[in-house]
Amino acid sequence: MKLSKFTETQIVGVLKEADAGAKVPELCRKNGISSATYYKWKSRYGGMDASELKRVKELEQQLSRMKHMYSDLALENRALKDLIEKKL
């Protein structure tokens, strides 16, 4: 997936400009983005504050760590069950 040249805080800033009354085509031209990109950002980040965005990122990282922990434990559990079945 291609990385954006805009950070999340910059994206939120662009969306706030539009909420303040700037016209979308002018805003897109000024920032060098397409209108499709603007509306994709709006659907994803619309109504978020910078602090809320930071909190969401932290939760996503925590979820990722939890998924890795679960997969490791599930794999270890399966290996132990297989070992017990072979001995019995």
PDB file of N, CA and C in Angstrom:
ATOM      1  N   MET A   1       0.827  -1.165   0.000  1.00  0.00           N
ATOM      2  CA  MET A   1       0.000   0.000   0.000  1.00  0.00           C
ATOM      3  C   MET A   1       0.881   1.242   0.000  1.00  0.00           C
ATOM      4  N   LYS A   2       0.536   2.198  -0.810  1.00  0.00           N
ATOM      5  CA  LYS A   2       1.316   3.419  -0.936  1.00  0.00           C
ATOM      6  C   LYS A   2       1.117   4.289   0.298  1.00  0.00           C
ATOM      7  N   LEU A   3       2.222   4.816   0.809  1.00  0.00           N
ATOM      8  CA  LEU A   3       2.143   5.701   1.960  1.00  0.00           C
ATOM      9  C   LEU A   3       1.770   7.100   1.506  1.00  0.00           C
ATOM     10  N   SER A   4       1.000   7.765   2.324  1.00  0.00           N
ATOM     11  CA  SER A   4       0.567   9.118   2.022  1.00  0.00           C
ATOM     12  C   SER A   4       1.688  10.098   2.328  1.00  0.00           C
ATOM     13  N   LYS A   5       1.747  11.171   1.574  1.00  0.00           N
ATOM     14  CA  LYS A   5       2.737  12.202   1.874  1.00  0.00           C
ATOM     15  C   LYS A   5       2.227  13.160   2.939  1.00  0.00           C
ATOM     16  N   PHE A   6       0.994  12.932   3.397  1.00  0.00           N
ATOM     17  CA  PHE A   6       0.388  13.749   4.442  1.00  0.00           C
ATOM     18  C   PHE A   6       0.305  12.950   5.736  1.00  0.00           C
ATOM     19  N   THR A   7       0.586  13.586   6.848  1.00  0.00           N
ATOM     20  CA  THR A   7       0.402  12.939   8.142  1.00  0.00           C
ATOM     21  C   THR A   7      -1.067  13.039   8.522  1.00  0.00           C
ATOM     22  N   GLU A   8      -1.441  12.278   9.521  1.00  0.00           N
ATOM     23  CA  GLU A   8      -2.835  12.299   9.957  1.00  0.00           C
ATOM     24  C   GLU A   8      -3.241  13.670  10.475  1.00  0.00           C
ATOM     25  N   THR A   9      -2.329  14.348  11.163  1.00  0.00           N
ATOM     26  CA  THR A   9      -2.657  15.677  11.674  1.00  0.00           C
ATOM     27  C   THR A   9      -2.839  16.679  10.544  1.00  0.00           C
ATOM     28  N   GLN A  10      -2.065  16.528   9.463  1.00  0.00           N
ATOM     29  CA  GLN A  10      -2.239  17.402   8.297  1.00  0.00           C
ATOM     30  C   GLN A  10      -3.586  17.125   7.634  1.00  0.00           C
ATOM     31  N   ILE A  11      -3.962  15.864   7.567  1.00  0.00           N
ATOM     32  CA  ILE A  11      -5.243  15.494   6.965  1.00  0.00           C
ATOM     33  C   ILE A  11      -6.390  16.096   7.768  1.00  0.00           C
ATOM     34  N   VAL A  12      -6.305  15.990   9.093  1.00  0.00           N
ATOM     35  CA  VAL A  12      -7.333  16.574   9.949  1.00  0.00           C
ATOM     36  C   VAL A  12      -7.386  18.086   9.753  1.00  0.00           C
ATOM     37  N   GLY A  13      -6.223  18.708   9.570  1.00  0.00           N
ATOM     38  CA  GLY A  13      -6.182  20.149   9.318  1.00  0.00           C
ATOM     39  C   GLY A  13      -6.887  20.525   8.027  1.00  0.00           C
ATOM     40  N   VAL A  14      -6.683  19.762   6.980  1.00  0.00           N
ATOM     41  CA  VAL A  14      -7.347  20.015   5.700  1.00  0.00           C
ATOM     42  C   VAL A  14      -8.859  19.870   5.858  1.00  0.00           C
ATOM     43  N   LEU A  15      -9.280  18.845   6.581  1.00  0.00           N
ATOM     44  CA  LEU A  15     -10.715  18.632   6.788  1.00  0.00           C
ATOM     45  C   LEU A  15     -11.333  19.751   7.619  1.00  0.00           C
ATOM     46  N   LYS A  16     -10.583  20.268   8.578  1.00  0.00           N
ATOM     47  CA  LYS A  16     -11.094  21.381   9.391  1.00  0.00           C
ATOM     48  C   LYS A  16     -11.223  22.651   8.560  1.00  0.00           C
ATOM     49  N   GLU A  17     -10.306  22.842   7.606  1.00  0.00           N
ATOM     50  CA  GLU A  17     -10.415  23.999   6.701  1.00  0.00           C
ATOM     51  C   GLU A  17     -11.718  23.923   5.911  1.00  0.00           C
ATOM     52  N   ALA A  18     -12.046  22.730   5.449  1.00  0.00           N
ATOM     53  CA  ALA A  18     -13.280  22.563   4.682  1.00  0.00           C
ATOM     54  C   ALA A  18     -14.495  22.789   5.581  1.00  0.00           C
ATOM     55  N   ASP A  19     -14.422  22.341   6.816  1.00  0.00           N
ATOM     56  CA  ASP A  19     -15.522  22.560   7.750  1.00  0.00           C
ATOM     57  C   ASP A  19     -15.685  24.042   8.080  1.00  0.00           C
ATOM     58  N   ALA A  20     -14.583  24.782   8.020  1.00  0.00           N
ATOM     59  CA  ALA A  20     -14.625  26.213   8.314  1.00  0.00           C
ATOM     60  C   ALA A  20     -15.264  27.010   7.181  1.00  0.00           C
ATOM     61  N   GLY A  21     -15.453  26.399   6.029  1.00  0.00           N
ATOM     62  CA  GLY A  21     -16.149  27.074   4.946  1.00  0.00           C
ATOM     63  C   GLY A  21     -15.378  27.172   3.639  1.00  0.00           C
ATOM     64  N   ALA A  22     -14.168  26.621   3.596  1.00  0.00           N
ATOM     65  CA  ALA A  22     -13.413  26.652   2.345  1.00  0.00           C
ATOM     66  C   ALA A  22     -14.085  25.719   1.331  1.00  0.00           C
ATOM     67  N   LYS A  23     -14.055  26.113   0.072  1.00  0.00           N
ATOM     68  CA  LYS A  23     -14.643  25.285  -0.974  1.00  0.00           C
ATOM     69  C   LYS A  23     -13.731  24.105  -1.268  1.00  0.00           C
ATOM     70  N   VAL A  24     -14.345  22.955  -1.448  1.00  0.00           N
ATOM     71  CA  VAL A  24     -13.599  21.712  -1.617  1.00  0.00           C
ATOM     72  C   VAL A  24     -12.690  21.735  -2.846  1.00  0.00           C
ATOM     73  N   PRO A  25     -13.156  22.179  -4.030  1.00  0.00           N
ATOM     74  CA  PRO A  25     -12.247  22.181  -5.185  1.00  0.00           C
ATOM     75  C   PRO A  25     -11.021  23.078  -4.983  1.00  0.00           C
ATOM     76  N   GLU A  26     -11.223  24.226  -4.365  1.00  0.00           N
ATOM     77  CA  GLU A  26     -10.087  25.119  -4.103  1.00  0.00           C
ATOM     78  C   GLU A  26      -9.128  24.505  -3.087  1.00  0.00           C
ATOM     79  N   LEU A  27      -9.690  23.873  -2.079  1.00  0.00           N
ATOM     80  CA  LEU A  27      -8.890  23.229  -1.047  1.00  0.00           C
ATOM     81  C   LEU A  27      -8.064  22.077  -1.631  1.00  0.00           C
ATOM     82  N   CYS A  28      -8.682  21.317  -2.511  1.00  0.00           N
ATOM     83  CA  CYS A  28      -7.970  20.213  -3.163  1.00  0.00           C
ATOM     84  C   CYS A  28      -6.841  20.721  -4.048  1.00  0.00           C
ATOM     85  N   ARG A  29      -7.109  21.772  -4.793  1.00  0.00           N
ATOM     86  CA  ARG A  29      -6.098  22.347  -5.669  1.00  0.00           C
ATOM     87  C   ARG A  29      -4.938  22.908  -4.848  1.00  0.00           C
ATOM     88  N   LYS A  30      -5.258  23.576  -3.748  1.00  0.00           N
ATOM     89  CA  LYS A  30      -4.234  24.188  -2.900  1.00  0.00           C
ATOM     90  C   LYS A  30      -3.314  23.137  -2.283  1.00  0.00           C
ATOM     91  N   ASN A  31      -3.892  22.001  -1.877  1.00  0.00           N
ATOM     92  CA  ASN A  31      -3.107  20.960  -1.212  1.00  0.00           C
ATOM     93  C   ASN A  31      -2.589  19.894  -2.159  1.00  0.00           C
ATOM     94  N   GLY A  32      -2.978  19.959  -3.417  1.00  0.00           N
ATOM     95  CA  GLY A  32      -2.478  19.002  -4.402  1.00  0.00           C
ATOM     96  C   GLY A  32      -3.073  17.613  -4.255  1.00  0.00           C
ATOM     97  N   ILE A  33      -4.359  17.552  -3.938  1.00  0.00           N
ATOM     98  CA  ILE A  33      -5.036  16.262  -3.814  1.00  0.00           C
ATOM     99  C   ILE A  33      -6.254  16.248  -4.728  1.00  0.00           C
ATOM    100  N   SER A  34      -6.761  15.068  -4.999  1.00  0.00           N
ATOM    101  CA  SER A  34      -7.966  14.973  -5.817  1.00  0.00           C
ATOM    102  C   SER A  34      -9.193  15.054  -4.905  1.00  0.00           C
ATOM    103  N   SER A  35     -10.325  15.315  -5.512  1.00  0.00           N
ATOM    104  CA  SER A  35     -11.552  15.388  -4.718  1.00  0.00           C
ATOM    105  C   SER A  35     -11.902  14.006  -4.154  1.00  0.00           C
ATOM    106  N   ALA A  36     -11.550  12.942  -4.876  1.00  0.00           N
ATOM    107  CA  ALA A  36     -11.795  11.587  -4.370  1.00  0.00           C
ATOM    108  C   ALA A  36     -10.987  11.336  -3.096  1.00  0.00           C
ATOM    109  N   THR A  37      -9.753  11.822  -3.087  1.00  0.00           N
ATOM    110  CA  THR A  37      -8.916  11.686  -1.895  1.00  0.00           C
ATOM    111  C   THR A  37      -9.521  12.448  -0.732  1.00  0.00           C
ATOM    112  N   TYR A  38     -10.002  13.654  -1.002  1.00  0.00           N
ATOM    113  CA  TYR A  38     -10.624  14.458   0.047  1.00  0.00           C
ATOM    114  C   TYR A  38     -11.798  13.711   0.671  1.00  0.00           C
ATOM    115  N   TYR A  39     -12.681  13.162  -0.163  1.00  0.00           N
ATOM    116  CA  TYR A  39     -13.857  12.481   0.357  1.00  0.00           C
ATOM    117  C   TYR A  39     -13.505  11.167   1.050  1.00  0.00           C
ATOM    118  N   LYS A  40     -12.429  10.517   0.619  1.00  0.00           N
ATOM    119  CA  LYS A  40     -11.964   9.315   1.308  1.00  0.00           C
ATOM    120  C   LYS A  40     -11.445   9.685   2.701  1.00  0.00           C
ATOM    121  N   TRP A  41     -10.689  10.781   2.770  1.00  0.00           N
ATOM    122  CA  TRP A  41     -10.210  11.271   4.060  1.00  0.00           C
ATOM    123  C   TRP A  41     -11.383  11.649   4.957  1.00  0.00           C
ATOM    124  N   LYS A  42     -12.372  12.293   4.362  1.00  0.00           N
ATOM    125  CA  LYS A  42     -13.528  12.743   5.145  1.00  0.00           C
ATOM    126  C   LYS A  42     -14.272  11.556   5.736  1.00  0.00           C
ATOM    127  N   SER A  43     -14.407  10.480   4.966  1.00  0.00           N
ATOM    128  CA  SER A  43     -15.112   9.310   5.484  1.00  0.00           C
ATOM    129  C   SER A  43     -14.306   8.622   6.582  1.00  0.00           C
ATOM    130  N   ARG A  44     -12.990   8.684   6.479  1.00  0.00           N
ATOM    131  CA  ARG A  44     -12.147   8.005   7.461  1.00  0.00           C
ATOM    132  C   ARG A  44     -11.871   8.855   8.696  1.00  0.00           C
ATOM    133  N   TYR A  45     -11.538  10.130   8.493  1.00  0.00           N
ATOM    134  CA  TYR A  45     -11.118  10.983   9.591  1.00  0.00           C
ATOM    135  C   TYR A  45     -12.128  12.073   9.945  1.00  0.00           C
ATOM    136  N   GLY A  46     -13.268  12.102   9.293  1.00  0.00           N
ATOM    137  CA  GLY A  46     -14.237  13.165   9.510  1.00  0.00           C
ATOM    138  C   GLY A  46     -14.706  13.242  10.950  1.00  0.00           C
ATOM    139  N   GLY A  47     -14.704  14.438  11.508  1.00  0.00           N
ATOM    140  CA  GLY A  47     -15.166  14.665  12.865  1.00  0.00           C
ATOM    141  C   GLY A  47     -14.147  14.347  13.942  1.00  0.00           C
ATOM    142  N   MET A  48     -12.942  13.942  13.545  1.00  0.00           N
ATOM    143  CA  MET A  48     -11.922  13.613  14.540  1.00  0.00           C
ATOM    144  C   MET A  48     -11.073  14.829  14.869  1.00  0.00           C
ATOM    145  N   ASP A  49     -10.618  14.847  16.090  1.00  0.00           N
ATOM    146  CA  ASP A  49      -9.674  15.846  16.557  1.00  0.00           C
ATOM    147  C   ASP A  49      -8.287  15.210  16.532  1.00  0.00           C
ATOM    148  N   ALA A  50      -7.251  16.008  16.674  1.00  0.00           N
ATOM    149  CA  ALA A  50      -5.898  15.453  16.672  1.00  0.00           C
ATOM    150  C   ALA A  50      -5.702  14.518  17.863  1.00  0.00           C
ATOM    151  N   SER A  51      -6.269  14.862  19.016  1.00  0.00           N
ATOM    152  CA  SER A  51      -6.121  14.006  20.200  1.00  0.00           C
ATOM    153  C   SER A  51      -6.873  12.685  20.019  1.00  0.00           C
ATOM    154  N   GLU A  52      -8.046  12.736  19.401  1.00  0.00           N
ATOM    155  CA  GLU A  52      -8.803  11.514  19.139  1.00  0.00           C
ATOM    156  C   GLU A  52      -8.053  10.625  18.164  1.00  0.00           C
ATOM    157  N   LEU A  53      -7.432  11.246  17.172  1.00  0.00           N
ATOM    158  CA  LEU A  53      -6.669  10.493  16.183  1.00  0.00           C
ATOM    159  C   LEU A  53      -5.489   9.788  16.842  1.00  0.00           C
ATOM    160  N   LYS A  54      -4.826  10.475  17.758  1.00  0.00           N
ATOM    161  CA  LYS A  54      -3.708   9.881  18.478  1.00  0.00           C
ATOM    162  C   LYS A  54      -4.183   8.690  19.295  1.00  0.00           C
ATOM    163  N   ARG A  55      -5.320   8.817  19.932  1.00  0.00           N
ATOM    164  CA  ARG A  55      -5.881   7.740  20.744  1.00  0.00           C
ATOM    165  C   ARG A  55      -6.235   6.530  19.872  1.00  0.00           C
ATOM    166  N   VAL A  56      -6.795   6.772  18.705  1.00  0.00           N
ATOM    167  CA  VAL A  56      -7.139   5.681  17.787  1.00  0.00           C
ATOM    168  C   VAL A  56      -5.879   4.946  17.342  1.00  0.00           C
ATOM    169  N   LYS A  57      -4.826   5.681  17.039  1.00  0.00           N
ATOM    170  CA  LYS A  57      -3.566   5.050  16.629  1.00  0.00           C
ATOM    171  C   LYS A  57      -2.995   4.189  17.748  1.00  0.00           C
ATOM    172  N   GLU A  58      -3.063   4.694  18.988  1.00  0.00           N
ATOM    173  CA  GLU A  58      -2.579   3.913  20.123  1.00  0.00           C
ATOM    174  C   GLU A  58      -3.388   2.636  20.289  1.00  0.00           C
ATOM    175  N   LEU A  59      -4.697   2.732  20.130  1.00  0.00           N
ATOM    176  CA  LEU A  59      -5.550   1.546  20.245  1.00  0.00           C
ATOM    177  C   LEU A  59      -5.266   0.544  19.140  1.00  0.00           C
ATOM    178  N   GLU A  60      -4.996   1.022  17.927  1.00  0.00           N
ATOM    179  CA  GLU A  60      -4.664   0.120  16.825  1.00  0.00           C
ATOM    180  C   GLU A  60      -3.360  -0.610  17.104  1.00  0.00           C
ATOM    181  N   GLN A  61      -2.366   0.098  17.657  1.00  0.00           N
ATOM    182  CA  GLN A  61      -1.097  -0.539  17.992  1.00  0.00           C
ATOM    183  C   GLN A  61      -1.282  -1.582  19.093  1.00  0.00           C
ATOM    184  N   GLN A  62      -2.083  -1.235  20.094  1.00  0.00           N
ATOM    185  CA  GLN A  62      -2.343  -2.167  21.178  1.00  0.00           C
ATOM    186  C   GLN A  62      -3.072  -3.407  20.659  1.00  0.00           C
ATOM    187  N   LEU A  63      -4.032  -3.218  19.777  1.00  0.00           N
ATOM    188  CA  LEU A  63      -4.752  -4.347  19.191  1.00  0.00           C
ATOM    189  C   LEU A  63      -3.809  -5.247  18.404  1.00  0.00           C
ATOM    190  N   SER A  64      -2.901  -4.649  17.683  1.00  0.00           N
ATOM    191  CA  SER A  64      -1.934  -5.427  16.913  1.00  0.00           C
ATOM    192  C   SER A  64      -1.063  -6.279  17.840  1.00  0.00           C
ATOM    193  N   ARG A  65      -0.597  -5.674  18.934  1.00  0.00           N
ATOM    194  CA  ARG A  65       0.208  -6.436  19.908  1.00  0.00           C
ATOM    195  C   ARG A  65      -0.596  -7.581  20.503  1.00  0.00           C
ATOM    196  N   MET A  66      -1.850  -7.328  20.824  1.00  0.00           N
ATOM    197  CA  MET A  66      -2.705  -8.369  21.411  1.00  0.00           C
ATOM    198  C   MET A  66      -2.930  -9.514  20.426  1.00  0.00           C
ATOM    199  N   LYS A  67      -3.108  -9.192  19.161  1.00  0.00           N
ATOM    200  CA  LYS A  67      -3.301 -10.238  18.150  1.00  0.00           C
ATOM    201  C   LYS A  67      -2.060 -11.109  18.033  1.00  0.00           C
ATOM    202  N   HIS A  68      -0.874 -10.477  18.080  1.00  0.00           N
ATOM    203  CA  HIS A  68       0.368 -11.248  18.008  1.00  0.00           C
ATOM    204  C   HIS A  68       0.514 -12.141  19.237  1.00  0.00           C
ATOM    205  N   MET A  69       0.178 -11.606  20.402  1.00  0.00           N
ATOM    206  CA  MET A  69       0.258 -12.407  21.627  1.00  0.00           C
ATOM    207  C   MET A  69      -0.692 -13.596  21.541  1.00  0.00           C
ATOM    208  N   TYR A  70      -1.903 -13.357  21.070  1.00  0.00           N
ATOM    209  CA  TYR A  70      -2.882 -14.432  20.953  1.00  0.00           C
ATOM    210  C   TYR A  70      -2.402 -15.509  19.978  1.00  0.00           C
ATOM    211  N   SER A  71      -1.876 -15.097  18.843  1.00  0.00           N
ATOM    212  CA  SER A  71      -1.439 -16.083  17.859  1.00  0.00           C
ATOM    213  C   SER A  71      -0.280 -16.920  18.406  1.00  0.00           C
ATOM    214  N   ASP A  72       0.637 -16.288  19.140  1.00  0.00           N
ATOM    215  CA  ASP A  72       1.741 -17.037  19.742  1.00  0.00           C
ATOM    216  C   ASP A  72       1.230 -18.049  20.758  1.00  0.00           C
ATOM    217  N   LEU A  73       0.305 -17.616  21.612  1.00  0.00           N
ATOM    218  CA  LEU A  73      -0.243 -18.518  22.626  1.00  0.00           C
ATOM    219  C   LEU A  73      -1.068 -19.640  21.997  1.00  0.00           C
ATOM    220  N   ALA A  74      -1.821 -19.328  20.961  1.00  0.00           N
ATOM    221  CA  ALA A  74      -2.617 -20.356  20.293  1.00  0.00           C
ATOM    222  C   ALA A  74      -1.708 -21.398  19.637  1.00  0.00           C
ATOM    223  N   LEU A  75      -0.626 -20.953  19.031  1.00  0.00           N
ATOM    224  CA  LEU A  75       0.320 -21.870  18.400  1.00  0.00           C
ATOM    225  C   LEU A  75       0.984 -22.760  19.448  1.00  0.00           C
ATOM    226  N   GLU A  76       1.382 -22.172  20.552  1.00  0.00           N
ATOM    227  CA  GLU A  76       2.005 -22.932  21.626  1.00  0.00           C
ATOM    228  C   GLU A  76       1.015 -23.935  22.232  1.00  0.00           C
ATOM    229  N   ASN A  77      -0.218 -23.510  22.414  1.00  0.00           N
ATOM    230  CA  ASN A  77      -1.267 -24.381  22.945  1.00  0.00           C
ATOM    231  C   ASN A  77      -1.490 -25.568  22.022  1.00  0.00           C
ATOM    232  N   ARG A  78      -1.551 -25.317  20.713  1.00  0.00           N
ATOM    233  CA  ARG A  78      -1.766 -26.389  19.736  1.00  0.00           C
ATOM    234  C   ARG A  78      -0.605 -27.376  19.764  1.00  0.00           C
ATOM    235  N   ALA A  79       0.619 -26.865  19.885  1.00  0.00           N
ATOM    236  CA  ALA A  79       1.789 -27.743  19.927  1.00  0.00           C
ATOM    237  C   ALA A  79       1.756 -28.621  21.174  1.00  0.00           C
ATOM    238  N   LEU A  80       1.370 -28.053  22.309  1.00  0.00           N
ATOM    239  CA  LEU A  80       1.284 -28.837  23.540  1.00  0.00           C
ATOM    240  C   LEU A  80       0.191 -29.895  23.447  1.00  0.00           C
ATOM    241  N   LYS A  81      -0.940 -29.574  22.852  1.00  0.00           N
ATOM    242  CA  LYS A  81      -2.018 -30.552  22.676  1.00  0.00           C
ATOM    243  C   LYS A  81      -1.566 -31.700  21.779  1.00  0.00           C
ATOM    244  N   ASP A  82      -0.852 -31.373  20.705  1.00  0.00           N
ATOM    245  CA  ASP A  82      -0.334 -32.410  19.820  1.00  0.00           C
ATOM    246  C   ASP A  82       0.648 -33.322  20.555  1.00  0.00           C
ATOM    247  N   LEU A  83       1.470 -32.721  21.401  1.00  0.00           N
ATOM    248  CA  LEU A  83       2.450 -33.502  22.161  1.00  0.00           C
ATOM    249  C   LEU A  83       1.759 -34.436  23.136  1.00  0.00           C
ATOM    250  N   ILE A  84       0.737 -33.962  23.801  1.00  0.00           N
ATOM    251  CA  ILE A  84      -0.015 -34.777  24.758  1.00  0.00           C
ATOM    252  C   ILE A  84      -0.712 -35.918  24.032  1.00  0.00           C
ATOM    253  N   GLU A  85      -1.300 -35.654  22.857  1.00  0.00           N
ATOM    254  CA  GLU A  85      -1.974 -36.699  22.093  1.00  0.00           C
ATOM    255  C   GLU A  85      -1.004 -37.789  21.641  1.00  0.00           C
ATOM    256  N   LYS A  86       0.209 -37.428  21.305  1.00  0.00           N
ATOM    257  CA  LYS A  86       1.189 -38.413  20.860  1.00  0.00           C
ATOM    258  C   LYS A  86       1.623 -39.298  22.022  1.00  0.00           C
ATOM    259  N   LYS A  87       1.729 -38.746  23.221  1.00  0.00           N
ATOM    260  CA  LYS A  87       2.159 -39.545  24.383  1.00  0.00           C
ATOM    261  C   LYS A  87       1.068 -40.486  24.855  1.00  0.00           C
ATOM    262  N   LEU A  88      -0.192 -40.107  24.669  1.00  0.00           N
ATOM    263  CA  LEU A  88      -1.290 -40.964  25.118  1.00  0.00           C
ATOM    264  C   LEU A  88      -1.698 -41.835  23.971  1.00  0.00           C
TER     265      LEU A  88
END
